[in-house]
Amino acid sequence: MSLYDDLGVSKDATPEDIKRAYRKKAAKAHPDRASGSVVLFQKIQAAHDILMDAEARARYDQFGTTDKLPDIKGMAIQQLCGLAVMLVQQLGDVIEYTDLIFKMREAVNNGMKQGQQQLEAHPKAVRSIQLALKRLKRKKKGNDFLKNALEMTLRQTQANRQNLEAQVQLGREMLLLLEDYQYEWSASPDPMAGLQALASGYQIFTTTTR
């Protein structure tokens, strides 16, 4: 059972849908009624409070829980391990002539830069949706499917901002962890090997940060 099931609404329910469903369910489950239930009422109340909070709802939709997100240091370690293994596997023999830690820092910095650029563009995307919602009016009563679609897009856009902020924060933690490492590499006798190292590093960056 999900929070949406607790209220009897769909996952794309609007705030108005949630309020309406909450009032109906809460009235039936209220402890003051003969058929009421304290446990059920608290469950309905909790579902309402979470789904009416845009940030909490976005977190619930993404992770299926409102609990605190996993330890960022643990996530950073996991990402760094995966990045190191991928670099070593793709570079092959060229790894002898490549500063692995530099390449890892480069990949993390590039990922953070992309995330930051998207964060800077985020307010404009939100404003455009909010403006459309403000100006969109339905002439007759009924299923306002256009408004519902825009509201769902707004929630998804807000959730995406959280993902981008987490990506940047994770990158900072990864860079801090990399400060404890250095890599002993040799100068390449073949200039083409160095170019291959650069190309391979970039290829891995593009596959691990999208």
C-alpha atoms as a PDB file:
ATOM      1  CA  MET A   1       0.000   0.000   0.000  1.00  0.00           C
ATOM      2  CA  SER A   2       1.297   3.435  -0.941  1.00  0.00           C
ATOM      3  CA  LEU A   3       0.437   6.840   0.488  1.00  0.00           C
ATOM      4  CA  TYR A   4      -1.691   7.393  -2.606  1.00  0.00           C
ATOM      5  CA  ASP A   5      -3.600   4.191  -1.845  1.00  0.00           C
ATOM      6  CA  ASP A   6      -4.150   5.375   1.727  1.00  0.00           C
ATOM      7  CA  LEU A   7      -6.018   8.389   0.377  1.00  0.00           C
ATOM      8  CA  GLY A   8      -7.559   6.600  -2.601  1.00  0.00           C
ATOM      9  CA  VAL A   9      -6.003   8.882  -5.208  1.00  0.00           C
ATOM     10  CA  SER A  10      -3.800   8.324  -8.241  1.00  0.00           C
ATOM     11  CA  LYS A  11      -0.092   9.146  -8.323  1.00  0.00           C
ATOM     12  CA  ASP A  12      -0.734  12.168 -10.546  1.00  0.00           C
ATOM     13  CA  ALA A  13      -3.394  13.560  -8.187  1.00  0.00           C
ATOM     14  CA  THR A  14      -3.435  17.331  -7.839  1.00  0.00           C
ATOM     15  CA  PRO A  15      -3.311  19.071  -4.427  1.00  0.00           C
ATOM     16  CA  GLU A  16      -7.046  19.710  -4.789  1.00  0.00           C
ATOM     17  CA  ASP A  17      -7.666  15.986  -5.389  1.00  0.00           C
ATOM     18  CA  ILE A  18      -5.614  15.141  -2.307  1.00  0.00           C
ATOM     19  CA  LYS A  19      -7.463  17.648  -0.116  1.00  0.00           C
ATOM     20  CA  ARG A  20     -10.824  16.366  -1.299  1.00  0.00           C
ATOM     21  CA  ALA A  21      -9.900  12.724  -0.728  1.00  0.00           C
ATOM     22  CA  TYR A  22      -8.401  13.533   2.675  1.00  0.00           C
ATOM     23  CA  ARG A  23     -11.541  15.278   3.924  1.00  0.00           C
ATOM     24  CA  LYS A  24     -13.698  12.355   2.841  1.00  0.00           C
ATOM     25  CA  LYS A  25     -11.442   9.665   4.312  1.00  0.00           C
ATOM     26  CA  ALA A  26     -10.656  11.580   7.492  1.00  0.00           C
ATOM     27  CA  ALA A  27     -14.340  12.213   8.195  1.00  0.00           C
ATOM     28  CA  LYS A  28     -15.096   8.477   8.034  1.00  0.00           C
ATOM     29  CA  ALA A  29     -12.040   7.429  10.052  1.00  0.00           C
ATOM     30  CA  HIS A  30     -12.217  10.140  12.725  1.00  0.00           C
ATOM     31  CA  PRO A  31     -11.984   8.607  16.231  1.00  0.00           C
ATOM     32  CA  ASP A  32     -15.057  10.548  17.359  1.00  0.00           C
ATOM     33  CA  ARG A  33     -17.217   8.461  15.046  1.00  0.00           C
ATOM     34  CA  ALA A  34     -18.493   5.070  16.085  1.00  0.00           C
ATOM     35  CA  SER A  35     -16.826   3.462  13.089  1.00  0.00           C
ATOM     36  CA  GLY A  36     -13.667   5.555  13.435  1.00  0.00           C
ATOM     37  CA  SER A  37     -10.132   4.379  14.089  1.00  0.00           C
ATOM     38  CA  VAL A  38      -7.242   6.243  15.676  1.00  0.00           C
ATOM     39  CA  VAL A  39      -4.678   4.200  13.739  1.00  0.00           C
ATOM     40  CA  LEU A  40      -6.429   4.654  10.401  1.00  0.00           C
ATOM     41  CA  PHE A  41      -7.000   8.363  11.026  1.00  0.00           C
ATOM     42  CA  GLN A  42      -3.309   8.901  11.820  1.00  0.00           C
ATOM     43  CA  LYS A  43      -2.367   6.966   8.680  1.00  0.00           C
ATOM     44  CA  ILE A  44      -4.617   9.153   6.534  1.00  0.00           C
ATOM     45  CA  GLN A  45      -3.302  12.292   8.225  1.00  0.00           C
ATOM     46  CA  ALA A  46       0.311  11.268   7.596  1.00  0.00           C
ATOM     47  CA  ALA A  47      -0.394  10.533   3.914  1.00  0.00           C
ATOM     48  CA  HIS A  48      -2.060  13.925   3.531  1.00  0.00           C
ATOM     49  CA  ASP A  49       0.773  15.820   5.224  1.00  0.00           C
ATOM     50  CA  ILE A  50       3.448  14.195   3.065  1.00  0.00           C
ATOM     51  CA  LEU A  51       1.628  14.448  -0.269  1.00  0.00           C
ATOM     52  CA  MET A  52       0.703  18.077   0.335  1.00  0.00           C
ATOM     53  CA  ASP A  53       4.372  18.952   0.932  1.00  0.00           C
ATOM     54  CA  ALA A  54       5.971  19.334  -2.514  1.00  0.00           C
ATOM     55  CA  GLU A  55       9.477  18.451  -1.298  1.00  0.00           C
ATOM     56  CA  ALA A  56       8.378  15.455   0.775  1.00  0.00           C
ATOM     57  CA  ARG A  57       6.160  14.221  -2.050  1.00  0.00           C
ATOM     58  CA  ALA A  58       8.961  14.483  -4.597  1.00  0.00           C
ATOM     59  CA  ARG A  59      11.258  12.519  -2.286  1.00  0.00           C
ATOM     60  CA  TYR A  60       8.562   9.881  -1.751  1.00  0.00           C
ATOM     61  CA  ASP A  61       7.880   9.587  -5.494  1.00  0.00           C
ATOM     62  CA  GLN A  62      11.582   9.137  -6.223  1.00  0.00           C
ATOM     63  CA  PHE A  63      12.681   6.862  -3.392  1.00  0.00           C
ATOM     64  CA  GLY A  64       9.432   5.322  -2.154  1.00  0.00           C
ATOM     65  CA  THR A  65      10.136   6.595   1.342  1.00  0.00           C
ATOM     66  CA  THR A  66      10.279   9.812   3.306  1.00  0.00           C
ATOM     67  CA  ASP A  67      13.174   8.551   5.413  1.00  0.00           C
ATOM     68  CA  LYS A  68      16.529  10.302   5.405  1.00  0.00           C
ATOM     69  CA  LEU A  69      18.505   9.623   2.229  1.00  0.00           C
ATOM     70  CA  PRO A  70      21.495   7.244   2.303  1.00  0.00           C
ATOM     71  CA  ASP A  71      24.772   8.475   3.832  1.00  0.00           C
ATOM     72  CA  ILE A  72      26.418  10.737   1.265  1.00  0.00           C
ATOM     73  CA  LYS A  73      29.926   9.569   2.126  1.00  0.00           C
ATOM     74  CA  GLY A  74      28.945   5.974   1.473  1.00  0.00           C
ATOM     75  CA  MET A  75      27.389   6.971  -1.843  1.00  0.00           C
ATOM     76  CA  ALA A  76      30.519   8.927  -2.796  1.00  0.00           C
ATOM     77  CA  ILE A  77      32.755   5.940  -2.029  1.00  0.00           C
ATOM     78  CA  GLN A  78      30.537   3.688  -4.131  1.00  0.00           C
ATOM     79  CA  GLN A  79      30.630   6.106  -7.074  1.00  0.00           C
ATOM     80  CA  LEU A  80      34.408   6.536  -6.865  1.00  0.00           C
ATOM     81  CA  CYS A  81      34.967   2.775  -6.817  1.00  0.00           C
ATOM     82  CA  GLY A  82      32.840   2.350  -9.913  1.00  0.00           C
ATOM     83  CA  LEU A  83      34.569   5.228 -11.693  1.00  0.00           C
ATOM     84  CA  ALA A  84      38.059   3.892 -10.877  1.00  0.00           C
ATOM     85  CA  VAL A  85      37.234   0.402 -12.128  1.00  0.00           C
ATOM     86  CA  MET A  86      35.729   1.729 -15.363  1.00  0.00           C
ATOM     87  CA  LEU A  87      38.718   3.967 -16.041  1.00  0.00           C
ATOM     88  CA  VAL A  88      41.224   1.188 -15.440  1.00  0.00           C
ATOM     89  CA  GLN A  89      39.297  -1.254 -17.639  1.00  0.00           C
ATOM     90  CA  GLN A  90      38.872   1.168 -20.507  1.00  0.00           C
ATOM     91  CA  LEU A  91      42.370   2.650 -20.450  1.00  0.00           C
ATOM     92  CA  GLY A  92      44.067  -0.744 -20.459  1.00  0.00           C
ATOM     93  CA  ASP A  93      47.851  -0.519 -20.867  1.00  0.00           C
ATOM     94  CA  VAL A  94      47.640   3.263 -21.192  1.00  0.00           C
ATOM     95  CA  ILE A  95      46.887   3.403 -17.455  1.00  0.00           C
ATOM     96  CA  GLU A  96      50.658   3.243 -16.923  1.00  0.00           C
ATOM     97  CA  TYR A  97      50.978   6.679 -18.538  1.00  0.00           C
ATOM     98  CA  THR A  98      47.824   8.232 -17.088  1.00  0.00           C
ATOM     99  CA  ASP A  99      47.300   9.958 -13.776  1.00  0.00           C
ATOM    100  CA  LEU A 100      44.267   7.985 -12.627  1.00  0.00           C
ATOM    101  CA  ILE A 101      43.401  10.318  -9.756  1.00  0.00           C
ATOM    102  CA  PHE A 102      43.615  13.377 -12.019  1.00  0.00           C
ATOM    103  CA  LYS A 103      41.274  11.661 -14.472  1.00  0.00           C
ATOM    104  CA  MET A 104      38.840  10.848 -11.689  1.00  0.00           C
ATOM    105  CA  ARG A 105      38.874  14.441 -10.453  1.00  0.00           C
ATOM    106  CA  GLU A 106      38.334  15.645 -14.006  1.00  0.00           C
ATOM    107  CA  ALA A 107      35.291  13.400 -14.438  1.00  0.00           C
ATOM    108  CA  VAL A 108      33.788  14.484 -11.117  1.00  0.00           C
ATOM    109  CA  ASN A 109      34.373  18.183 -11.849  1.00  0.00           C
ATOM    110  CA  ASN A 110      32.781  17.864 -15.276  1.00  0.00           C
ATOM    111  CA  GLY A 111      29.753  16.148 -13.764  1.00  0.00           C
ATOM    112  CA  MET A 112      29.417  18.874 -11.131  1.00  0.00           C
ATOM    113  CA  LYS A 113      29.715  21.559 -13.806  1.00  0.00           C
ATOM    114  CA  GLN A 114      26.895  20.018 -15.807  1.00  0.00           C
ATOM    115  CA  GLY A 115      24.738  19.755 -12.696  1.00  0.00           C
ATOM    116  CA  GLN A 116      25.419  23.373 -11.747  1.00  0.00           C
ATOM    117  CA  GLN A 117      24.537  24.609 -15.224  1.00  0.00           C
ATOM    118  CA  GLN A 118      21.227  22.768 -15.095  1.00  0.00           C
ATOM    119  CA  LEU A 119      20.549  24.171 -11.623  1.00  0.00           C
ATOM    120  CA  GLU A 120      21.067  27.700 -12.925  1.00  0.00           C
ATOM    121  CA  ALA A 121      18.523  27.063 -15.691  1.00  0.00           C
ATOM    122  CA  HIS A 122      16.029  25.431 -13.304  1.00  0.00           C
ATOM    123  CA  PRO A 123      14.247  28.589 -11.974  1.00  0.00           C
ATOM    124  CA  LYS A 124      13.354  29.629 -15.517  1.00  0.00           C
ATOM    125  CA  ALA A 125      11.785  26.223 -16.194  1.00  0.00           C
ATOM    126  CA  VAL A 126       9.751  26.411 -12.993  1.00  0.00           C
ATOM    127  CA  ARG A 127       8.602  29.976 -13.694  1.00  0.00           C
ATOM    128  CA  SER A 128       7.391  29.072 -17.178  1.00  0.00           C
ATOM    129  CA  ILE A 129       5.246  26.230 -15.828  1.00  0.00           C
ATOM    130  CA  GLN A 130       3.874  28.384 -13.000  1.00  0.00           C
ATOM    131  CA  LEU A 131       3.041  31.153 -15.462  1.00  0.00           C
ATOM    132  CA  ALA A 132       1.225  28.699 -17.707  1.00  0.00           C
ATOM    133  CA  LEU A 133      -0.757  27.356 -14.734  1.00  0.00           C
ATOM    134  CA  LYS A 134      -1.725  30.884 -13.703  1.00  0.00           C
ATOM    135  CA  ARG A 135      -2.993  31.793 -17.172  1.00  0.00           C
ATOM    136  CA  LEU A 136      -4.618  28.491 -18.123  1.00  0.00           C
ATOM    137  CA  LYS A 137      -8.376  28.503 -17.491  1.00  0.00           C
ATOM    138  CA  ARG A 138     -10.954  25.841 -18.291  1.00  0.00           C
ATOM    139  CA  LYS A 139     -14.228  27.274 -19.619  1.00  0.00           C
ATOM    140  CA  LYS A 140     -16.415  24.478 -18.291  1.00  0.00           C
ATOM    141  CA  LYS A 141     -16.287  22.247 -15.238  1.00  0.00           C
ATOM    142  CA  GLY A 142     -14.826  18.808 -15.749  1.00  0.00           C
ATOM    143  CA  ASN A 143     -11.547  16.966 -15.953  1.00  0.00           C
ATOM    144  CA  ASP A 144      -8.910  19.670 -16.224  1.00  0.00           C
ATOM    145  CA  PHE A 145      -6.366  17.399 -17.896  1.00  0.00           C
ATOM    146  CA  LEU A 146      -4.125  20.223 -19.085  1.00  0.00           C
ATOM    147  CA  LYS A 147      -3.793  21.659 -15.582  1.00  0.00           C
ATOM    148  CA  ASN A 148      -3.166  18.195 -14.163  1.00  0.00           C
ATOM    149  CA  ALA A 149      -0.411  17.579 -16.700  1.00  0.00           C
ATOM    150  CA  LEU A 150       1.287  20.887 -15.946  1.00  0.00           C
ATOM    151  CA  GLU A 151       1.080  20.349 -12.178  1.00  0.00           C
ATOM    152  CA  MET A 152       2.610  16.896 -12.544  1.00  0.00           C
ATOM    153  CA  THR A 153       5.390  18.358 -14.702  1.00  0.00           C
ATOM    154  CA  LEU A 154       5.990  21.035 -12.071  1.00  0.00           C
ATOM    155  CA  ARG A 155       6.394  18.401  -9.347  1.00  0.00           C
ATOM    156  CA  GLN A 156       8.768  16.415 -11.527  1.00  0.00           C
ATOM    157  CA  THR A 157      10.784  19.553 -12.273  1.00  0.00           C
ATOM    158  CA  GLN A 158      10.995  20.357  -8.571  1.00  0.00           C
ATOM    159  CA  ALA A 159      12.121  16.803  -7.846  1.00  0.00           C
ATOM    160  CA  ASN A 160      14.750  17.109 -10.585  1.00  0.00           C
ATOM    161  CA  ARG A 161      16.225  20.129  -8.796  1.00  0.00           C
ATOM    162  CA  GLN A 162      16.712  17.989  -5.704  1.00  0.00           C
ATOM    163  CA  ASN A 163      18.496  15.403  -7.835  1.00  0.00           C
ATOM    164  CA  LEU A 164      20.790  18.052  -9.310  1.00  0.00           C
ATOM    165  CA  GLU A 165      21.587  19.516  -5.895  1.00  0.00           C
ATOM    166  CA  ALA A 166      22.351  16.017  -4.628  1.00  0.00           C
ATOM    167  CA  GLN A 167      24.611  15.415  -7.650  1.00  0.00           C
ATOM    168  CA  VAL A 168      26.642  18.548  -6.914  1.00  0.00           C
ATOM    169  CA  GLN A 169      26.841  17.736  -3.202  1.00  0.00           C
ATOM    170  CA  LEU A 170      27.909  14.187  -4.007  1.00  0.00           C
ATOM    171  CA  GLY A 171      30.617  15.531  -6.318  1.00  0.00           C
ATOM    172  CA  ARG A 172      32.026  17.706  -3.555  1.00  0.00           C
ATOM    173  CA  GLU A 173      32.212  14.709  -1.245  1.00  0.00           C
ATOM    174  CA  MET A 174      33.934  12.635  -3.953  1.00  0.00           C
ATOM    175  CA  LEU A 175      36.575  15.337  -4.435  1.00  0.00           C
ATOM    176  CA  LEU A 176      37.229  15.444  -0.692  1.00  0.00           C
ATOM    177  CA  LEU A 177      37.756  11.692  -0.624  1.00  0.00           C
ATOM    178  CA  LEU A 178      40.147  11.858  -3.582  1.00  0.00           C
ATOM    179  CA  GLU A 179      42.398  14.236  -1.636  1.00  0.00           C
ATOM    180  CA  ASP A 180      43.637  11.190   0.300  1.00  0.00           C
ATOM    181  CA  TYR A 181      45.018   9.587  -2.885  1.00  0.00           C
ATOM    182  CA  GLN A 182      47.843  10.072  -5.342  1.00  0.00           C
ATOM    183  CA  TYR A 183      48.837   8.045  -8.399  1.00  0.00           C
ATOM    184  CA  GLU A 184      52.359   7.253  -9.573  1.00  0.00           C
ATOM    185  CA  TRP A 185      52.377   7.291 -13.342  1.00  0.00           C
ATOM    186  CA  SER A 186      55.109   7.274 -15.966  1.00  0.00           C
ATOM    187  CA  ALA A 187      55.733   9.688 -18.823  1.00  0.00           C
ATOM    188  CA  SER A 188      54.592   8.089 -22.052  1.00  0.00           C
ATOM    189  CA  PRO A 189      57.275   7.295 -24.666  1.00  0.00           C
ATOM    190  CA  ASP A 190      54.518   7.436 -27.300  1.00  0.00           C
ATOM    191  CA  PRO A 191      52.635  10.761 -27.702  1.00  0.00           C
ATOM    192  CA  MET A 192      49.678   8.870 -29.188  1.00  0.00           C
ATOM    193  CA  ALA A 193      49.278   6.965 -25.918  1.00  0.00           C
ATOM    194  CA  GLY A 194      48.702  10.235 -24.110  1.00  0.00           C
ATOM    195  CA  LEU A 195      46.040  11.222 -26.622  1.00  0.00           C
ATOM    196  CA  GLN A 196      44.396   7.835 -26.188  1.00  0.00           C
ATOM    197  CA  ALA A 197      44.356   8.374 -22.438  1.00  0.00           C
ATOM    198  CA  LEU A 198      42.610  11.724 -22.845  1.00  0.00           C
ATOM    199  CA  ALA A 199      40.026  10.284 -25.239  1.00  0.00           C
ATOM    200  CA  SER A 200      39.327   7.306 -22.986  1.00  0.00           C
ATOM    201  CA  GLY A 201      38.945   9.480 -19.924  1.00  0.00           C
ATOM    202  CA  TYR A 202      36.424  11.698 -21.694  1.00  0.00           C
ATOM    203  CA  GLN A 203      34.449   8.713 -22.941  1.00  0.00           C
ATOM    204  CA  ILE A 204      34.116   7.345 -19.418  1.00  0.00           C
ATOM    205  CA  PHE A 205      33.091  10.750 -18.109  1.00  0.00           C
ATOM    206  CA  THR A 206      30.253  10.948 -20.602  1.00  0.00           C
ATOM    207  CA  THR A 207      28.977   7.480 -19.704  1.00  0.00           C
ATOM    208  CA  THR A 208      29.122   7.884 -15.932  1.00  0.00           C
ATOM    209  CA  THR A 209      27.600  11.315 -15.412  1.00  0.00           C
ATOM    210  CA  ARG A 210      24.546  11.311 -17.642  1.00  0.00           C
END
